[in-house]
C-alpha atoms as a PDB file:
ATOM      1  CA  MET A   1      15.760  13.017   2.613  1.00  0.00           C
ATOM      2  CA  LYS A   2      15.041  10.279   0.093  1.00  0.00           C
ATOM      3  CA  LYS A   3      11.509   9.399  -0.943  1.00  0.00           C
ATOM      4  CA  THR A   4      10.528   5.931  -2.163  1.00  0.00           C
ATOM      5  CA  VAL A   5       7.333   4.590  -3.704  1.00  0.00           C
ATOM      6  CA  VAL A   6       6.797   0.832  -3.329  1.00  0.00           C
ATOM      7  CA  ILE A   7       4.535  -0.854  -5.874  1.00  0.00           C
ATOM      8  CA  PRO A   8       3.797  -4.596  -5.538  1.00  0.00           C
ATOM      9  CA  THR A   9       2.865  -6.389  -8.753  1.00  0.00           C
ATOM     10  CA  TYR A  10       1.553  -9.693 -10.009  1.00  0.00           C
ATOM     11  CA  ASN A  11       0.487  -9.823 -13.660  1.00  0.00           C
ATOM     12  CA  GLU A  12       0.405  -6.021 -13.977  1.00  0.00           C
ATOM     13  CA  ARG A  13       2.575  -5.579 -17.101  1.00  0.00           C
ATOM     14  CA  GLU A  14       0.274  -3.210 -18.997  1.00  0.00           C
ATOM     15  CA  ASN A  15      -0.634  -1.210 -15.907  1.00  0.00           C
ATOM     16  CA  VAL A  16       2.937  -0.763 -14.665  1.00  0.00           C
ATOM     17  CA  ILE A  17       4.018   0.512 -18.092  1.00  0.00           C
ATOM     18  CA  SER A  18       1.472   3.323 -17.665  1.00  0.00           C
ATOM     19  CA  LEU A  19       1.890   3.925 -13.934  1.00  0.00           C
ATOM     20  CA  VAL A  20       5.666   4.304 -13.565  1.00  0.00           C
ATOM     21  CA  PRO A  21       5.986   7.312 -15.942  1.00  0.00           C
ATOM     22  CA  LEU A  22       3.060   8.987 -14.181  1.00  0.00           C
ATOM     23  CA  VAL A  23       4.766   8.667 -10.794  1.00  0.00           C
ATOM     24  CA  PHE A  24       8.019  10.165 -12.060  1.00  0.00           C
ATOM     25  CA  GLN A  25       6.086  12.913 -13.826  1.00  0.00           C
ATOM     26  CA  ARG A  26       4.577  13.972 -10.493  1.00  0.00           C
ATOM     27  CA  ILE A  27       7.717  13.499  -8.353  1.00  0.00           C
ATOM     28  CA  PRO A  28      10.866  13.467 -10.511  1.00  0.00           C
ATOM     29  CA  ASP A  29      13.277  12.960  -7.591  1.00  0.00           C
ATOM     30  CA  VAL A  30      11.459   9.961  -6.079  1.00  0.00           C
ATOM     31  CA  GLU A  31      12.767   6.399  -6.163  1.00  0.00           C
ATOM     32  CA  VAL A  32      10.306   3.742  -7.283  1.00  0.00           C
ATOM     33  CA  LEU A  33      10.662   0.114  -6.211  1.00  0.00           C
ATOM     34  CA  VAL A  34       8.506  -2.403  -8.062  1.00  0.00           C
ATOM     35  CA  VAL A  35       8.353  -5.681  -6.132  1.00  0.00           C
ATOM     36  CA  ASP A  36       7.185  -8.418  -8.478  1.00  0.00           C
ATOM     37  CA  ASP A  37       6.146 -11.941  -7.440  1.00  0.00           C
ATOM     38  CA  ASN A  38       7.551 -13.591 -10.568  1.00  0.00           C
ATOM     39  CA  SER A  39       4.592 -12.586 -12.743  1.00  0.00           C
ATOM     40  CA  PRO A  40       4.124 -14.916 -15.723  1.00  0.00           C
ATOM     41  CA  ASP A  41       2.899 -12.044 -17.915  1.00  0.00           C
ATOM     42  CA  GLY A  42       6.342 -10.402 -18.149  1.00  0.00           C
ATOM     43  CA  THR A  43       5.866  -7.601 -15.628  1.00  0.00           C
ATOM     44  CA  SER A  44       9.506  -7.823 -14.555  1.00  0.00           C
ATOM     45  CA  ALA A  45      10.739  -7.584 -18.143  1.00  0.00           C
ATOM     46  CA  ALA A  46       8.592  -4.498 -18.680  1.00  0.00           C
ATOM     47  CA  VAL A  47      10.101  -2.874 -15.586  1.00  0.00           C
ATOM     48  CA  GLY A  48      13.554  -3.725 -16.888  1.00  0.00           C
ATOM     49  CA  GLN A  49      12.805  -1.839 -20.089  1.00  0.00           C
ATOM     50  CA  LEU A  50      11.435   1.137 -18.145  1.00  0.00           C
ATOM     51  CA  LYS A  51      14.662   1.313 -16.134  1.00  0.00           C
ATOM     52  CA  GLU A  52      16.424   2.484 -19.309  1.00  0.00           C
ATOM     53  CA  ARG A  53      14.264   5.612 -19.211  1.00  0.00           C
ATOM     54  CA  PHE A  54      14.066   6.076 -15.441  1.00  0.00           C
ATOM     55  CA  PRO A  55      17.359   5.635 -13.555  1.00  0.00           C
ATOM     56  CA  LYS A  56      15.602   5.867 -10.171  1.00  0.00           C
ATOM     57  CA  LEU A  57      13.397   2.855 -10.962  1.00  0.00           C
ATOM     58  CA  ARG A  58      14.337  -0.394  -9.192  1.00  0.00           C
ATOM     59  CA  LEU A  59      13.026  -3.943  -9.403  1.00  0.00           C
ATOM     60  CA  LEU A  60      12.808  -6.459  -6.575  1.00  0.00           C
ATOM     61  CA  LYS A  61      11.965  -9.785  -8.199  1.00  0.00           C
ATOM     62  CA  ARG A  62      10.684 -12.464  -5.856  1.00  0.00           C
ATOM     63  CA  GLN A  63      10.734 -16.180  -6.600  1.00  0.00           C
ATOM     64  CA  LYS A  64       7.031 -16.889  -6.223  1.00  0.00           C
ATOM     65  CA  LYS A  65       3.670 -15.423  -5.317  1.00  0.00           C
ATOM     66  CA  GLU A  66       3.357 -15.291  -1.532  1.00  0.00           C
ATOM     67  CA  GLY A  67       0.765 -12.586  -1.013  1.00  0.00           C
ATOM     68  CA  LEU A  68       0.656  -8.830  -0.658  1.00  0.00           C
ATOM     69  CA  GLY A  69       1.935  -8.807   2.917  1.00  0.00           C
ATOM     70  CA  ALA A  70       5.072 -10.830   2.175  1.00  0.00           C
ATOM     71  CA  ALA A  71       5.839  -8.637  -0.834  1.00  0.00           C
ATOM     72  CA  TYR A  72       5.516  -5.405   1.164  1.00  0.00           C
ATOM     73  CA  ILE A  73       7.553  -6.726   4.097  1.00  0.00           C
ATOM     74  CA  HIS A  74      10.353  -7.784   1.742  1.00  0.00           C
ATOM     75  CA  ALA A  75      10.291  -4.430  -0.028  1.00  0.00           C
ATOM     76  CA  PHE A  76      10.145  -2.333   3.158  1.00  0.00           C
ATOM     77  CA  THR A  77      13.025  -4.298   4.675  1.00  0.00           C
ATOM     78  CA  GLU A  78      15.169  -3.633   1.608  1.00  0.00           C
ATOM     79  CA  VAL A  79      14.278   0.064   1.411  1.00  0.00           C
ATOM     80  CA  LEU A  80      14.908   0.709   5.122  1.00  0.00           C
ATOM     81  CA  LYS A  81      18.464  -0.568   4.801  1.00  0.00           C
ATOM     82  CA  ASP A  82      19.230   2.866   3.385  1.00  0.00           C
ATOM     83  CA  PRO A  83      19.421   5.285   6.347  1.00  0.00           C
ATOM     84  CA  ASP A  84      18.814   8.253   4.040  1.00  0.00           C
ATOM     85  CA  VAL A  85      15.285   7.120   3.199  1.00  0.00           C
ATOM     86  CA  GLY A  86      12.914   9.398   5.100  1.00  0.00           C
ATOM     87  CA  VAL A  87       9.489   8.773   3.579  1.00  0.00           C
ATOM     88  CA  LEU A  88       7.888   5.776   1.864  1.00  0.00           C
ATOM     89  CA  ALA A  89       4.688   5.394  -0.094  1.00  0.00           C
ATOM     90  CA  MET A  90       2.723   2.252  -0.865  1.00  0.00           C
ATOM     91  CA  MET A  91       0.277   2.093  -3.755  1.00  0.00           C
ATOM     92  CA  ASP A  92      -1.433  -0.361  -6.067  1.00  0.00           C
ATOM     93  CA  ALA A  93      -0.136  -1.000  -9.567  1.00  0.00           C
ATOM     94  CA  ASP A  94      -3.546  -1.129 -11.236  1.00  0.00           C
ATOM     95  CA  LEU A  95      -4.004   2.664 -11.667  1.00  0.00           C
ATOM     96  CA  SER A  96      -6.678   2.764  -8.963  1.00  0.00           C
ATOM     97  CA  HIS A  97      -4.495   5.172  -6.978  1.00  0.00           C
ATOM     98  CA  ASP A  98      -3.855   8.509  -8.687  1.00  0.00           C
ATOM     99  CA  PRO A  99      -0.158   9.522  -8.633  1.00  0.00           C
ATOM    100  CA  ALA A 100      -1.303  13.158  -8.713  1.00  0.00           C
ATOM    101  CA  CYS A 101      -2.105  12.763  -4.989  1.00  0.00           C
ATOM    102  CA  LEU A 102       1.443  11.763  -4.067  1.00  0.00           C
ATOM    103  CA  PRO A 103       3.145  15.205  -3.845  1.00  0.00           C
ATOM    104  CA  ALA A 104       0.681  16.528  -1.273  1.00  0.00           C
ATOM    105  CA  MET A 105       0.767  13.299   0.727  1.00  0.00           C
ATOM    106  CA  PHE A 106       4.583  13.307   0.813  1.00  0.00           C
ATOM    107  CA  GLU A 107       4.615  16.966   1.786  1.00  0.00           C
ATOM    108  CA  MET A 108       2.302  16.351   4.753  1.00  0.00           C
ATOM    109  CA  VAL A 109       4.681  13.756   6.172  1.00  0.00           C
ATOM    110  CA  GLU A 110       7.788  15.810   5.431  1.00  0.00           C
ATOM    111  CA  GLN A 111       6.322  18.886   7.121  1.00  0.00           C
ATOM    112  CA  GLY A 112       5.338  16.909  10.217  1.00  0.00           C
ATOM    113  CA  SER A 113       1.558  16.911   9.821  1.00  0.00           C
ATOM    114  CA  ALA A 114       1.429  13.156  10.485  1.00  0.00           C
ATOM    115  CA  ASP A 115       3.546  10.012  10.562  1.00  0.00           C
ATOM    116  CA  VAL A 116       1.112   8.224   8.253  1.00  0.00           C
ATOM    117  CA  VAL A 117      -0.997   9.926   5.586  1.00  0.00           C
ATOM    118  CA  ILE A 118      -3.822   7.765   4.264  1.00  0.00           C
ATOM    119  CA  GLY A 119      -5.430   8.240   0.877  1.00  0.00           C
ATOM    120  CA  SER A 120      -8.962   7.763   2.093  1.00  0.00           C
ATOM    121  CA  ARG A 121     -12.079   6.742   0.187  1.00  0.00           C
ATOM    122  CA  TYR A 122     -14.270   7.275   3.229  1.00  0.00           C
ATOM    123  CA  THR A 123     -13.289  10.684   4.555  1.00  0.00           C
ATOM    124  CA  ALA A 124     -15.209  13.751   3.383  1.00  0.00           C
ATOM    125  CA  GLY A 125     -14.592  14.299  -0.320  1.00  0.00           C
ATOM    126  CA  GLY A 126     -13.349  10.752  -1.001  1.00  0.00           C
ATOM    127  CA  GLY A 127     -15.081   8.035  -2.953  1.00  0.00           C
ATOM    128  CA  THR A 128     -14.916   5.163  -5.416  1.00  0.00           C
ATOM    129  CA  GLU A 129     -15.596   4.941  -9.126  1.00  0.00           C
ATOM    130  CA  GLY A 130     -16.573   1.967 -11.259  1.00  0.00           C
ATOM    131  CA  TRP A 131     -17.374  -0.444  -8.417  1.00  0.00           C
ATOM    132  CA  GLU A 132     -20.361  -2.747  -8.533  1.00  0.00           C
ATOM    133  CA  LEU A 133     -22.817  -2.577  -5.623  1.00  0.00           C
ATOM    134  CA  ARG A 134     -21.503  -5.773  -3.994  1.00  0.00           C
ATOM    135  CA  ARG A 135     -17.967  -4.413  -3.751  1.00  0.00           C
ATOM    136  CA  ARG A 136     -19.110  -1.026  -2.418  1.00  0.00           C
ATOM    137  CA  ILE A 137     -21.079  -2.722   0.329  1.00  0.00           C
ATOM    138  CA  LEU A 138     -18.269  -5.152   1.127  1.00  0.00           C
ATOM    139  CA  SER A 139     -15.666  -2.405   1.386  1.00  0.00           C
ATOM    140  CA  SER A 140     -17.814  -0.012   3.395  1.00  0.00           C
ATOM    141  CA  TRP A 141     -18.933  -2.747   5.801  1.00  0.00           C
ATOM    142  CA  GLY A 142     -15.368  -4.079   6.097  1.00  0.00           C
ATOM    143  CA  ASN A 143     -14.036  -0.691   7.167  1.00  0.00           C
ATOM    144  CA  ARG A 144     -16.750  -0.156   9.753  1.00  0.00           C
ATOM    145  CA  TYR A 145     -16.199  -3.677  11.066  1.00  0.00           C
ATOM    146  CA  CYS A 146     -12.426  -3.190  11.345  1.00  0.00           C
ATOM    147  CA  ARG A 147     -12.850   0.159  13.057  1.00  0.00           C
ATOM    148  CA  PHE A 148     -15.324  -1.315  15.538  1.00  0.00           C
ATOM    149  CA  VAL A 149     -13.097  -4.260  16.466  1.00  0.00           C
ATOM    150  CA  THR A 150      -9.722  -2.503  16.562  1.00  0.00           C
ATOM    151  CA  ARG A 151     -10.837   0.947  17.758  1.00  0.00           C
ATOM    152  CA  MET A 152      -8.570   2.601  15.207  1.00  0.00           C
ATOM    153  CA  PRO A 153      -9.694   6.233  14.691  1.00  0.00           C
ATOM    154  CA  LEU A 154      -9.595   5.930  10.897  1.00  0.00           C
ATOM    155  CA  SER A 155     -12.197   6.284   8.175  1.00  0.00           C
ATOM    156  CA  ASP A 156     -10.306   4.017   5.791  1.00  0.00           C
ATOM    157  CA  CYS A 157      -8.671   1.073   7.580  1.00  0.00           C
ATOM    158  CA  THR A 158      -8.252  -1.083   4.486  1.00  0.00           C
ATOM    159  CA  GLY A 159      -7.069   1.333   1.787  1.00  0.00           C
ATOM    160  CA  GLY A 160      -3.634   0.625   0.320  1.00  0.00           C
ATOM    161  CA  PHE A 161      -2.634   4.150  -0.746  1.00  0.00           C
ATOM    162  CA  ASN A 162      -0.478   5.414   2.128  1.00  0.00           C
ATOM    163  CA  VAL A 163       2.608   7.551   2.764  1.00  0.00           C
ATOM    164  CA  MET A 164       4.652   6.804   5.895  1.00  0.00           C
ATOM    165  CA  ARG A 165       7.538   8.320   7.806  1.00  0.00           C
ATOM    166  CA  ALA A 166      10.472   5.882   7.639  1.00  0.00           C
ATOM    167  CA  SER A 167      11.337   6.419  11.311  1.00  0.00           C
ATOM    168  CA  ALA A 168       7.807   5.335  12.291  1.00  0.00           C
ATOM    169  CA  LEU A 169       8.032   2.285  10.039  1.00  0.00           C
ATOM    170  CA  ARG A 170      11.373   1.309  11.589  1.00  0.00           C
ATOM    171  CA  LYS A 171       9.663   1.014  14.979  1.00  0.00           C
ATOM    172  CA  LEU A 172       7.443  -1.818  13.756  1.00  0.00           C
ATOM    173  CA  ARG A 173       8.182  -5.531  13.869  1.00  0.00           C
ATOM    174  CA  LEU A 174       7.320  -6.115  10.251  1.00  0.00           C
ATOM    175  CA  ASP A 175       8.407  -9.741  10.297  1.00  0.00           C
ATOM    176  CA  ALA A 176       5.894 -10.394  13.073  1.00  0.00           C
ATOM    177  CA  ILE A 177       2.882  -9.563  10.880  1.00  0.00           C
ATOM    178  CA  GLU A 178       1.603 -12.891   9.610  1.00  0.00           C
ATOM    179  CA  LEU A 179      -1.361 -11.716   7.535  1.00  0.00           C
ATOM    180  CA  SER A 180      -0.669 -12.246   3.862  1.00  0.00           C
ATOM    181  CA  GLY A 181      -3.403 -10.637   1.773  1.00  0.00           C
ATOM    182  CA  TYR A 182      -5.070  -7.245   1.900  1.00  0.00           C
ATOM    183  CA  ALA A 183      -5.548  -7.784   5.638  1.00  0.00           C
ATOM    184  CA  PHE A 184      -1.857  -6.941   5.877  1.00  0.00           C
ATOM    185  CA  ILE A 185      -2.766  -3.320   5.233  1.00  0.00           C
ATOM    186  CA  MET A 186      -5.118  -3.307   8.214  1.00  0.00           C
ATOM    187  CA  ALA A 187      -2.454  -4.948  10.358  1.00  0.00           C
ATOM    188  CA  LEU A 188       0.156  -2.429   9.280  1.00  0.00           C
ATOM    189  CA  LYS A 189      -2.068   0.490  10.240  1.00  0.00           C
ATOM    190  CA  TYR A 190      -2.903  -1.202  13.523  1.00  0.00           C
ATOM    191  CA  ALA A 191       0.808  -1.634  14.244  1.00  0.00           C
ATOM    192  CA  PHE A 192       1.336   2.082  13.632  1.00  0.00           C
ATOM    193  CA  PHE A 193      -1.648   2.838  15.873  1.00  0.00           C
ATOM    194  CA  LYS A 194      -0.280   0.724  18.733  1.00  0.00           C
ATOM    195  CA  THR A 195       3.146   2.417  18.577  1.00  0.00           C
ATOM    196  CA  GLY A 196       1.587   5.868  18.857  1.00  0.00           C
ATOM    197  CA  ALA A 197       2.049   7.024  15.275  1.00  0.00           C
ATOM    198  CA  THR A 198      -0.019   9.996  14.189  1.00  0.00           C
ATOM    199  CA  PHE A 199      -2.431   9.778  11.242  1.00  0.00           C
ATOM    200  CA  ALA A 200      -3.983  12.104   8.710  1.00  0.00           C
ATOM    201  CA  GLU A 201      -6.496  11.185   6.008  1.00  0.00           C
ATOM    202  CA  VAL A 202      -6.821  12.946   2.670  1.00  0.00           C
ATOM    203  CA  PRO A 203      -9.729  12.299   0.305  1.00  0.00           C
ATOM    204  CA  ILE A 204      -9.041  10.310  -2.847  1.00  0.00           C
ATOM    205  CA  LEU A 205     -11.165   8.954  -5.666  1.00  0.00           C
ATOM    206  CA  PHE A 206     -10.427   5.244  -5.966  1.00  0.00           C
ATOM    207  CA  CYS A 207     -10.944   4.185  -9.584  1.00  0.00           C
ATOM    208  CA  ASN A 208     -11.615   0.568 -10.499  1.00  0.00           C
ATOM    209  CA  ARG A 209      -8.764  -1.078 -12.388  1.00  0.00           C
ATOM    210  CA  LYS A 210      -8.822  -0.526 -16.153  1.00  0.00           C
ATOM    211  CA  LYS A 211      -6.820  -3.639 -17.116  1.00  0.00           C
ATOM    212  CA  GLY A 212      -6.103  -7.021 -15.585  1.00  0.00           C
ATOM    213  CA  GLU A 213      -8.026  -9.047 -13.053  1.00  0.00           C
ATOM    214  CA  SER A 214      -8.934  -8.109  -9.494  1.00  0.00           C
ATOM    215  CA  LYS A 215      -6.963  -9.879  -6.762  1.00  0.00           C
ATOM    216  CA  LEU A 216     -10.021  -9.950  -4.472  1.00  0.00           C
ATOM    217  CA  SER A 217     -10.901 -13.546  -3.585  1.00  0.00           C
ATOM    218  CA  ASN A 218     -13.003 -15.458  -1.060  1.00  0.00           C
ATOM    219  CA  HIS A 219      -9.819 -16.245   0.867  1.00  0.00           C
ATOM    220  CA  ILE A 220      -9.006 -12.542   1.120  1.00  0.00           C
ATOM    221  CA  ILE A 221     -12.555 -11.808   2.337  1.00  0.00           C
ATOM    222  CA  ARG A 222     -12.363 -14.549   4.978  1.00  0.00           C
ATOM    223  CA  GLU A 223      -8.972 -13.317   6.150  1.00  0.00           C
ATOM    224  CA  GLY A 224     -10.355  -9.785   6.387  1.00  0.00           C
ATOM    225  CA  ILE A 225     -13.154 -10.979   8.685  1.00  0.00           C
ATOM    226  CA  ILE A 226     -10.809 -12.800  11.065  1.00  0.00           C
ATOM    227  CA  ALA A 227      -7.891 -10.358  10.904  1.00  0.00           C
ATOM    228  CA  PRO A 228      -9.246  -7.544  13.143  1.00  0.00           C
ATOM    229  CA  TRP A 229      -9.771  -9.976  16.002  1.00  0.00           C
ATOM    230  CA  LYS A 230      -6.281 -11.426  15.538  1.00  0.00           C
ATOM    231  CA  MET A 231      -4.896  -7.887  15.626  1.00  0.00           C
ATOM    232  CA  ARG A 232      -6.926  -6.919  18.684  1.00  0.00           C
ATOM    233  CA  PHE A 233      -5.760  -9.904  20.704  1.00  0.00           C
ATOM    234  CA  GLY A 234      -2.232 -10.136  19.353  1.00  0.00           C
ATOM    235  CA  ALA A 235      -2.616 -13.334  17.319  1.00  0.00           C
ATOM    236  CA  ALA A 236      -1.624 -11.637  14.061  1.00  0.00           C
ATOM    237  CA  SER A 237       1.955 -11.371  15.302  1.00  0.00           C
ATOM    238  CA  ARG A 238       4.491 -13.878  16.483  1.00  0.00           C
ATOM    239  CA  GLY A 239       6.142 -13.530  19.869  1.00  0.00           C
END
Protein backbone atom coordinates (compact mmCIF):
# COMPACT_ATOMS: atom_id res chain seq x y z
CA MET A 1 0.00 0.00 0.00
CA LYS A 2 1.52 3.29 -1.10
CA LYS A 3 1.50 6.35 1.13
CA THR A 4 1.55 9.90 -0.24
CA VAL A 5 1.96 13.27 1.46
CA VAL A 6 0.53 16.23 -0.47
CA ILE A 7 2.00 19.65 0.29
CA PRO A 8 0.57 22.74 -1.46
CA THR A 9 2.94 25.69 -1.80
CA TYR A 10 2.99 29.33 -2.81
CA ASN A 11 6.16 31.27 -2.00
CA GLU A 12 7.41 28.61 0.43
CA ARG A 13 10.94 28.07 -0.95
CA GLU A 14 12.83 28.29 2.35
CA ASN A 15 10.23 26.30 4.26
CA VAL A 16 9.96 23.47 1.73
CA ILE A 17 13.74 23.05 1.72
CA SER A 18 13.50 22.31 5.46
CA LEU A 19 10.23 20.36 5.45
CA VAL A 20 10.81 17.76 2.72
CA PRO A 21 13.88 16.15 4.38
CA LEU A 22 12.01 16.01 7.69
CA VAL A 23 9.11 14.13 6.10
CA PHE A 24 11.40 11.54 4.51
CA GLN A 25 13.34 11.23 7.75
CA ARG A 26 10.14 10.20 9.55
CA ILE A 27 8.69 8.01 6.76
CA PRO A 28 11.41 6.92 4.30
CA ASP A 29 9.06 4.92 2.06
CA VAL A 30 6.48 7.68 1.59
CA GLU A 31 5.93 9.59 -1.64
CA VAL A 32 5.77 13.36 -1.35
CA LEU A 33 3.92 15.49 -3.90
CA VAL A 34 4.54 19.23 -3.75
CA VAL A 35 1.86 21.10 -5.69
CA ASP A 36 3.10 24.60 -6.44
CA ASP A 37 1.01 27.45 -7.83
CA ASN A 38 3.84 28.91 -9.92
CA SER A 39 5.50 30.62 -6.94
CA PRO A 40 7.61 33.62 -7.98
CA ASP A 41 10.14 32.94 -5.21
CA GLY A 42 11.53 29.80 -6.88
CA THR A 43 9.77 27.16 -4.80
CA SER A 44 9.49 24.84 -7.82
CA ALA A 45 13.21 25.15 -8.57
CA ALA A 46 14.02 24.30 -4.96
CA VAL A 47 11.85 21.18 -5.18
CA GLY A 48 13.63 20.24 -8.40
CA GLN A 49 16.96 20.35 -6.58
CA LEU A 50 15.58 18.29 -3.69
CA LYS A 51 14.44 15.61 -6.15
CA GLU A 52 18.11 14.78 -6.76
CA ARG A 53 18.35 13.69 -3.11
CA PHE A 54 14.87 12.20 -2.72
CA PRO A 55 13.70 9.97 -5.61
CA LYS A 56 10.19 9.69 -4.13
CA LEU A 57 9.67 13.45 -4.27
CA ARG A 58 7.40 14.73 -7.06
CA LEU A 59 6.40 18.19 -8.23
CA LEU A 60 3.06 19.23 -9.66
CA LYS A 61 3.55 22.73 -11.05
CA ARG A 62 0.38 24.67 -11.74
CA GLN A 63 0.15 27.65 -14.08
CA LYS A 64 -1.20 30.20 -11.63
CA LYS A 65 -2.42 30.77 -8.10
CA GLU A 66 -6.02 29.58 -7.82
CA GLY A 67 -6.39 28.91 -4.11
CA LEU A 68 -5.79 26.07 -1.70
CA GLY A 69 -8.87 24.11 -2.74
CA ALA A 70 -8.00 24.03 -6.44
CA ALA A 71 -4.44 22.97 -5.64
CA TYR A 72 -5.57 20.10 -3.41
CA ILE A 73 -8.22 18.90 -5.86
CA HIS A 74 -5.66 18.85 -8.68
CA ALA A 75 -3.15 16.99 -6.53
CA PHE A 76 -5.64 14.45 -5.15
CA THR A 77 -6.94 13.73 -8.65
CA GLU A 78 -3.42 13.02 -9.87
CA VAL A 79 -2.49 10.86 -6.88
CA LEU A 80 -5.68 8.78 -7.02
CA LYS A 81 -4.92 7.76 -10.60
CA ASP A 82 -2.54 5.23 -9.04
CA PRO A 83 -4.68 2.34 -7.73
CA ASP A 84 -1.88 1.28 -5.37
CA VAL A 85 -2.15 4.45 -3.30
CA GLY A 86 -3.88 3.50 -0.06
CA VAL A 87 -3.36 6.47 2.25
CA LEU A 88 -2.86 10.19 1.68
CA ALA A 89 -1.82 13.00 3.98
CA MET A 90 -2.32 16.73 3.57
CA MET A 91 -0.18 19.24 5.43
CA ASP A 92 1.00 22.84 5.27
CA ALA A 93 4.41 23.73 3.91
CA ASP A 94 5.21 26.36 6.53
CA LEU A 95 6.47 23.96 9.25
CA SER A 96 3.38 24.54 11.37
CA HIS A 97 2.60 20.81 11.12
CA ASP A 98 5.19 18.55 12.73
CA PRO A 99 6.21 15.63 10.45
CA ALA A 100 6.96 13.64 13.62
CA CYS A 101 3.18 13.13 13.95
CA LEU A 102 2.84 11.50 10.53
CA PRO A 103 3.88 7.89 11.34
CA ALA A 104 1.25 7.48 14.05
CA MET A 105 -1.44 9.14 11.94
CA PHE A 106 -0.67 6.91 8.96
CA GLU A 107 -0.66 3.84 11.20
CA MET A 108 -4.11 4.64 12.58
CA VAL A 109 -5.59 4.70 9.08
CA GLU A 110 -3.69 1.62 7.94
CA GLN A 111 -4.82 -0.37 10.98
CA GLY A 112 -8.45 0.63 10.47
CA SER A 113 -8.91 2.96 13.44
CA ALA A 114 -10.51 5.59 11.20
CA ASP A 115 -10.92 6.67 7.58
CA VAL A 116 -9.74 10.18 8.41
CA VAL A 117 -7.26 11.05 11.15
CA ILE A 118 -7.19 14.73 12.05
CA GLY A 119 -4.23 16.44 13.65
CA SER A 120 -6.27 18.46 16.10
CA ARG A 121 -5.42 21.66 17.94
CA TYR A 122 -8.62 21.51 19.94
CA THR A 123 -8.80 17.98 21.27
CA ALA A 124 -7.33 17.21 24.70
CA GLY A 125 -3.57 17.69 24.61
CA GLY A 126 -3.56 19.82 21.45
CA GLY A 127 -2.78 23.51 21.14
CA THR A 128 -1.16 26.36 19.26
CA GLU A 129 2.13 28.17 19.70
CA GLY A 130 3.16 31.66 18.66
CA TRP A 131 -0.31 32.96 17.74
CA GLU A 132 -1.44 36.44 18.65
CA LEU A 133 -4.67 36.76 20.64
CA ARG A 134 -6.73 37.81 17.59
CA ARG A 135 -5.84 34.67 15.67
CA ARG A 136 -6.48 32.38 18.65
CA ILE A 137 -9.94 33.86 19.11
CA LEU A 138 -10.68 33.76 15.38
CA SER A 139 -9.66 30.12 15.04
CA SER A 140 -11.42 28.92 18.18
CA TRP A 141 -14.62 30.79 17.32
CA GLY A 142 -14.46 29.60 13.71
CA ASN A 143 -14.31 25.96 14.74
CA ARG A 144 -17.21 26.28 17.17
CA TYR A 145 -19.21 28.12 14.53
CA CYS A 146 -18.53 25.48 11.87
CA ARG A 147 -19.38 22.65 14.26
CA PHE A 148 -22.64 24.36 15.26
CA VAL A 149 -23.77 24.93 11.66
CA THR A 150 -22.67 21.64 10.10
CA ARG A 151 -23.17 19.33 13.11
CA MET A 152 -19.85 17.64 12.40
CA PRO A 153 -18.69 15.78 15.54
CA LEU A 154 -15.17 17.22 15.33
CA SER A 155 -13.08 19.38 17.63
CA ASP A 156 -11.00 20.76 14.77
CA CYS A 157 -13.07 21.39 11.64
CA THR A 158 -10.62 23.79 10.01
CA GLY A 159 -7.20 22.22 10.63
CA GLY A 160 -5.24 21.23 7.52
CA PHE A 161 -3.12 18.40 8.95
CA ASN A 162 -5.04 15.25 8.00
CA VAL A 163 -4.42 11.65 6.91
CA MET A 164 -7.10 9.96 4.79
CA ARG A 165 -7.89 6.52 3.44
CA ALA A 166 -7.70 6.67 -0.37
CA SER A 167 -10.83 4.53 -0.77
CA ALA A 168 -12.81 7.07 1.31
CA LEU A 169 -11.41 9.95 -0.72
CA ARG A 170 -12.39 8.21 -3.98
CA LYS A 171 -16.04 8.28 -2.86
CA LEU A 172 -16.10 12.09 -2.87
CA ARG A 173 -16.98 14.37 -5.76
CA LEU A 174 -13.91 16.51 -5.39
CA ASP A 175 -14.65 18.55 -8.49
CA ALA A 176 -17.97 19.58 -6.97
CA ILE A 177 -16.35 21.44 -4.07
CA GLU A 178 -16.28 25.08 -5.11
CA LEU A 179 -14.69 26.63 -2.04
CA SER A 180 -11.21 27.86 -2.85
CA GLY A 181 -9.43 28.95 0.31
CA TYR A 182 -9.05 27.37 3.73
CA ALA A 183 -12.81 26.80 3.70
CA PHE A 184 -12.02 23.94 1.34
CA ILE A 185 -10.68 22.00 4.32
CA MET A 186 -14.00 22.36 6.13
CA ALA A 187 -15.86 21.30 2.99
CA LEU A 188 -13.63 18.28 2.52
CA LYS A 189 -14.28 17.09 6.07
CA TYR A 190 -17.99 17.72 5.62
CA ALA A 191 -17.96 15.65 2.43
CA PHE A 192 -16.33 12.79 4.34
CA PHE A 193 -18.89 13.21 7.11
CA LYS A 194 -21.83 13.03 4.69
CA THR A 195 -20.50 9.83 3.05
CA GLY A 196 -20.23 8.09 6.42
CA ALA A 197 -16.46 8.16 6.83
CA THR A 198 -15.13 7.53 10.31
CA PHE A 199 -12.94 10.08 12.11
CA ALA A 200 -10.30 10.11 14.81
CA GLU A 201 -8.54 13.16 16.24
CA VAL A 202 -5.03 13.17 17.65
CA PRO A 203 -3.60 16.13 19.55
CA ILE A 204 -0.98 18.27 17.82
CA LEU A 205 0.86 21.46 18.68
CA PHE A 206 0.36 23.87 15.80
CA CYS A 207 3.38 26.18 15.60
CA ASN A 208 3.18 29.55 13.90
CA ARG A 209 5.16 29.75 10.67
CA LYS A 210 8.83 30.63 11.10
CA LYS A 211 9.39 32.10 7.62
CA GLY A 212 7.25 33.68 4.92
CA GLU A 213 3.92 35.44 5.14
CA SER A 214 0.62 34.08 6.39
CA LYS A 215 -1.98 33.32 3.70
CA LEU A 216 -4.83 34.39 6.02
CA SER A 217 -6.77 37.28 4.46
CA ASN A 218 -10.09 39.06 4.89
CA HIS A 219 -11.42 37.15 1.87
CA ILE A 220 -10.53 33.85 3.53
CA ILE A 221 -12.27 34.95 6.74
CA ARG A 222 -15.42 35.99 4.86
CA GLU A 223 -15.45 32.71 2.95
CA GLY A 224 -15.08 30.83 6.22
CA ILE A 225 -18.17 32.55 7.64
CA ILE A 226 -20.36 31.75 4.65
CA ALA A 227 -18.95 28.29 3.88
CA PRO A 228 -20.63 26.23 6.65
CA TRP A 229 -24.06 27.39 5.51
CA LYS A 230 -23.23 26.58 1.89
CA MET A 231 -22.11 23.14 2.99
CA ARG A 232 -25.18 22.57 5.15
CA PHE A 233 -27.59 23.42 2.35
CA GLY A 234 -25.60 21.99 -0.55
CA ALA A 235 -24.58 25.27 -2.19
CA ALA A 236 -20.87 24.54 -1.87
CA SER A 237 -21.19 21.83 -4.54
CA ARG A 238 -22.38 21.82 -8.09
CA GLY A 239 -25.11 19.47 -9.21
